Amino acid sequence: MYSSPKVACGYWHSIALARGEDGLWPRNDRLFVLLLMFVSQSVYHDMCLFTGGQIFSWGQNRYSQLGLGITGQSISTPQMVQSLQAIPFSQISAGGAHSFALTFSGAVFGWGCNKFGQLGVNDTNGGLFTSL
């Protein structure tokens, strides 16, 4: 019997991680050998947060919403967000074309599209790793 405590649904796809008697599912995906803490999806990109604090992202990256330091190129496989690796995060959220991460101490980091001020930084310029 499998339970599925980590589930996120997007427009085109879904992510589910279940812990069963004999390990993690899906078994053949090397990414999930880490213990997953949180998943988040938008229509076009996904994010996973693992218990060690690692954030992985993949999908559309037109506005740098993946946080990988590149813009425009879509990424089809999960990639670690290297620049945030040393920060202890408690939660993540994938927006339409932007992303947020919350630290255990309450600091908020946002990146990606900011055309309508969705990063909450009193301007409409896009940017990488804006801290609130």
C-alpha atoms as a PDB file:
ATOM      1  CA  MET A   1       0.000   0.000   0.000  1.00  0.00           C
ATOM      2  CA  TYR A   2       1.316   3.444  -0.910  1.00  0.00           C
ATOM      3  CA  SER A   3       0.432   6.779   0.578  1.00  0.00           C
ATOM      4  CA  SER A   4       0.996  10.007  -1.319  1.00  0.00           C
ATOM      5  CA  PRO A   5       1.776  12.853   1.075  1.00  0.00           C
ATOM      6  CA  LYS A   6       3.534  14.981  -1.566  1.00  0.00           C
ATOM      7  CA  VAL A   7       1.361  15.907  -4.530  1.00  0.00           C
ATOM      8  CA  ALA A   8       1.197  18.934  -6.823  1.00  0.00           C
ATOM      9  CA  CYS A   9      -0.914  19.420  -9.934  1.00  0.00           C
ATOM     10  CA  GLY A  10      -0.221  21.710 -12.858  1.00  0.00           C
ATOM     11  CA  TYR A  11      -2.126  22.459 -16.034  1.00  0.00           C
ATOM     12  CA  TRP A  12      -0.281  19.889 -18.168  1.00  0.00           C
ATOM     13  CA  HIS A  13       1.182  17.499 -15.592  1.00  0.00           C
ATOM     14  CA  SER A  14       1.321  16.361 -11.976  1.00  0.00           C
ATOM     15  CA  ILE A  15       3.964  15.300  -9.461  1.00  0.00           C
ATOM     16  CA  ALA A  16       3.378  12.675  -6.803  1.00  0.00           C
ATOM     17  CA  LEU A  17       5.818  11.064  -4.438  1.00  0.00           C
ATOM     18  CA  ALA A  18       4.659   8.145  -2.364  1.00  0.00           C
ATOM     19  CA  ARG A  19       6.411   6.310   0.433  1.00  0.00           C
ATOM     20  CA  GLY A  20       5.632   2.625   0.523  1.00  0.00           C
ATOM     21  CA  GLU A  21       6.943  -0.309   2.474  1.00  0.00           C
ATOM     22  CA  ASP A  22       9.903  -0.782   0.181  1.00  0.00           C
ATOM     23  CA  GLY A  23      11.044   2.764  -0.556  1.00  0.00           C
ATOM     24  CA  LEU A  24      10.234   5.797  -2.590  1.00  0.00           C
ATOM     25  CA  TRP A  25       8.209   5.965  -5.796  1.00  0.00           C
ATOM     26  CA  PRO A  26       9.046   6.385  -8.628  1.00  0.00           C
ATOM     27  CA  ARG A  27      11.880   3.956  -7.974  1.00  0.00           C
ATOM     28  CA  ASN A  28      13.761   4.500 -11.234  1.00  0.00           C
ATOM     29  CA  ASP A  29      14.096   8.283 -10.881  1.00  0.00           C
ATOM     30  CA  ARG A  30      17.444   9.068  -9.300  1.00  0.00           C
ATOM     31  CA  LEU A  31      16.277  12.531  -8.181  1.00  0.00           C
ATOM     32  CA  PHE A  32      13.975  11.064  -5.567  1.00  0.00           C
ATOM     33  CA  VAL A  33      16.659   9.284  -3.581  1.00  0.00           C
ATOM     34  CA  LEU A  34      16.678  12.482  -1.528  1.00  0.00           C
ATOM     35  CA  LEU A  35      13.865  12.940   0.959  1.00  0.00           C
ATOM     36  CA  LEU A  36      11.287  15.248  -0.534  1.00  0.00           C
ATOM     37  CA  MET A  37       9.864  17.913   1.749  1.00  0.00           C
ATOM     38  CA  PHE A  38       7.694  20.040  -0.554  1.00  0.00           C
ATOM     39  CA  VAL A  39       6.586  20.214  -4.219  1.00  0.00           C
ATOM     40  CA  SER A  40       5.093  23.131  -6.125  1.00  0.00           C
ATOM     41  CA  GLN A  41       3.898  23.531  -9.704  1.00  0.00           C
ATOM     42  CA  SER A  42       2.775  26.266 -11.995  1.00  0.00           C
ATOM     43  CA  VAL A  43       1.364  25.838 -15.479  1.00  0.00           C
ATOM     44  CA  TYR A  44       4.829  25.709 -17.049  1.00  0.00           C
ATOM     45  CA  HIS A  45       7.451  24.948 -14.385  1.00  0.00           C
ATOM     46  CA  ASP A  46       7.960  22.762 -11.344  1.00  0.00           C
ATOM     47  CA  MET A  47       9.963  22.965  -8.129  1.00  0.00           C
ATOM     48  CA  CYS A  48      10.898  20.473  -5.433  1.00  0.00           C
ATOM     49  CA  LEU A  49      12.378  21.187  -2.015  1.00  0.00           C
ATOM     50  CA  PHE A  50      14.255  18.414  -0.257  1.00  0.00           C
ATOM     51  CA  THR A  51      14.914  17.985   3.451  1.00  0.00           C
ATOM     52  CA  GLY A  52      18.588  18.897   2.979  1.00  0.00           C
ATOM     53  CA  GLY A  53      17.447  22.318   1.690  1.00  0.00           C
ATOM     54  CA  GLN A  54      18.133  21.656  -1.988  1.00  0.00           C
ATOM     55  CA  ILE A  55      15.729  23.269  -4.448  1.00  0.00           C
ATOM     56  CA  PHE A  56      15.357  21.655  -7.867  1.00  0.00           C
ATOM     57  CA  SER A  57      13.442  23.239 -10.744  1.00  0.00           C
ATOM     58  CA  TRP A  58      12.595  22.438 -14.356  1.00  0.00           C
ATOM     59  CA  GLY A  59      10.244  23.462 -17.154  1.00  0.00           C
ATOM     60  CA  GLN A  60       9.787  26.716 -19.039  1.00  0.00           C
ATOM     61  CA  ASN A  61      12.381  29.381 -18.229  1.00  0.00           C
ATOM     62  CA  ARG A  62      11.421  32.361 -20.385  1.00  0.00           C
ATOM     63  CA  TYR A  63      11.669  34.775 -17.430  1.00  0.00           C
ATOM     64  CA  SER A  64      14.380  33.012 -15.373  1.00  0.00           C
ATOM     65  CA  GLN A  65      11.672  31.522 -13.152  1.00  0.00           C
ATOM     66  CA  LEU A  66      13.764  28.381 -12.661  1.00  0.00           C
ATOM     67  CA  GLY A  67      16.450  30.334 -10.789  1.00  0.00           C
ATOM     68  CA  LEU A  68      19.285  28.693 -12.693  1.00  0.00           C
ATOM     69  CA  GLY A  69      21.017  31.894 -13.795  1.00  0.00           C
ATOM     70  CA  ILE A  70      19.920  31.533 -17.420  1.00  0.00           C
ATOM     71  CA  THR A  71      16.960  32.940 -19.320  1.00  0.00           C
ATOM     72  CA  GLY A  72      14.921  31.601 -22.196  1.00  0.00           C
ATOM     73  CA  GLN A  73      16.006  27.991 -22.376  1.00  0.00           C
ATOM     74  CA  SER A  74      13.439  25.431 -21.191  1.00  0.00           C
ATOM     75  CA  ILE A  75      14.879  22.677 -19.013  1.00  0.00           C
ATOM     76  CA  SER A  76      13.274  19.226 -19.217  1.00  0.00           C
ATOM     77  CA  THR A  77      15.080  17.549 -16.308  1.00  0.00           C
ATOM     78  CA  PRO A  78      15.259  18.687 -12.664  1.00  0.00           C
ATOM     79  CA  GLN A  79      18.250  20.949 -11.963  1.00  0.00           C
ATOM     80  CA  MET A  80      19.529  22.078  -8.569  1.00  0.00           C
ATOM     81  CA  VAL A  81      19.277  25.823  -7.941  1.00  0.00           C
ATOM     82  CA  GLN A  82      22.967  26.148  -7.067  1.00  0.00           C
ATOM     83  CA  SER A  83      22.961  29.776  -5.942  1.00  0.00           C
ATOM     84  CA  LEU A  84      20.505  29.028  -3.106  1.00  0.00           C
ATOM     85  CA  GLN A  85      22.173  25.814  -1.987  1.00  0.00           C
ATOM     86  CA  ALA A  86      23.492  27.031   1.392  1.00  0.00           C
ATOM     87  CA  ILE A  87      20.214  28.620   2.555  1.00  0.00           C
ATOM     88  CA  PRO A  88      17.813  26.564   4.727  1.00  0.00           C
ATOM     89  CA  PHE A  89      14.385  26.815   3.069  1.00  0.00           C
ATOM     90  CA  SER A  90      11.103  25.662   4.552  1.00  0.00           C
ATOM     91  CA  GLN A  91       8.738  26.229   1.615  1.00  0.00           C
ATOM     92  CA  ILE A  92       8.678  26.968  -2.120  1.00  0.00           C
ATOM     93  CA  SER A  93       6.051  28.215  -4.539  1.00  0.00           C
ATOM     94  CA  ALA A  94       6.039  28.155  -8.338  1.00  0.00           C
ATOM     95  CA  GLY A  95       3.957  30.973  -9.818  1.00  0.00           C
ATOM     96  CA  GLY A  96       2.965  31.488 -13.434  1.00  0.00           C
ATOM     97  CA  ALA A  97       6.373  32.798 -14.543  1.00  0.00           C
ATOM     98  CA  HIS A  98       7.993  33.511 -11.174  1.00  0.00           C
ATOM     99  CA  SER A  99       9.019  31.578  -8.077  1.00  0.00           C
ATOM    100  CA  PHE A 100       9.331  32.120  -4.339  1.00  0.00           C
ATOM    101  CA  ALA A 101      11.188  30.401  -1.526  1.00  0.00           C
ATOM    102  CA  LEU A 102      10.722  30.964   2.205  1.00  0.00           C
ATOM    103  CA  THR A 103      13.526  30.357   4.706  1.00  0.00           C
ATOM    104  CA  PHE A 104      13.045  28.909   8.187  1.00  0.00           C
ATOM    105  CA  SER A 105      13.903  32.359   9.590  1.00  0.00           C
ATOM    106  CA  GLY A 106      11.140  34.044   7.547  1.00  0.00           C
ATOM    107  CA  ALA A 107      13.158  35.625   4.707  1.00  0.00           C
ATOM    108  CA  VAL A 108      11.500  35.460   1.291  1.00  0.00           C
ATOM    109  CA  PHE A 109      13.352  35.114  -2.006  1.00  0.00           C
ATOM    110  CA  GLY A 110      11.567  35.709  -5.301  1.00  0.00           C
ATOM    111  CA  TRP A 111      12.746  35.545  -8.910  1.00  0.00           C
ATOM    112  CA  GLY A 112      11.439  35.464 -12.465  1.00  0.00           C
ATOM    113  CA  CYS A 113       8.873  37.635 -14.215  1.00  0.00           C
ATOM    114  CA  ASN A 114       7.929  40.840 -12.440  1.00  0.00           C
ATOM    115  CA  LYS A 115       5.945  42.551 -15.211  1.00  0.00           C
ATOM    116  CA  PHE A 116       3.005  43.232 -12.874  1.00  0.00           C
ATOM    117  CA  GLY A 117       5.005  43.604  -9.651  1.00  0.00           C
ATOM    118  CA  GLN A 118       4.379  40.018  -8.580  1.00  0.00           C
ATOM    119  CA  LEU A 119       7.779  39.814  -6.862  1.00  0.00           C
ATOM    120  CA  GLY A 120       6.613  42.477  -4.409  1.00  0.00           C
ATOM    121  CA  VAL A 121       9.667  44.731  -4.641  1.00  0.00           C
ATOM    122  CA  ASN A 122       7.985  48.061  -5.548  1.00  0.00           C
ATOM    123  CA  ASP A 123       8.969  47.961  -9.221  1.00  0.00           C
ATOM    124  CA  THR A 124       8.200  45.950 -12.332  1.00  0.00           C
ATOM    125  CA  ASN A 125      11.723  44.928 -13.320  1.00  0.00           C
ATOM    126  CA  GLY A 126      12.429  41.206 -13.539  1.00  0.00           C
ATOM    127  CA  GLY A 127      15.304  39.861 -11.565  1.00  0.00           C
ATOM    128  CA  LEU A 128      17.034  36.901 -10.068  1.00  0.00           C
ATOM    129  CA  PHE A 129      16.968  36.195  -6.339  1.00  0.00           C
ATOM    130  CA  THR A 130      15.268  39.254  -5.001  1.00  0.00           C
ATOM    131  CA  SER A 131      15.137  39.095  -1.217  1.00  0.00           C
ATOM    132  CA  LEU A 132      12.143  40.623   0.545  1.00  0.00           C
END
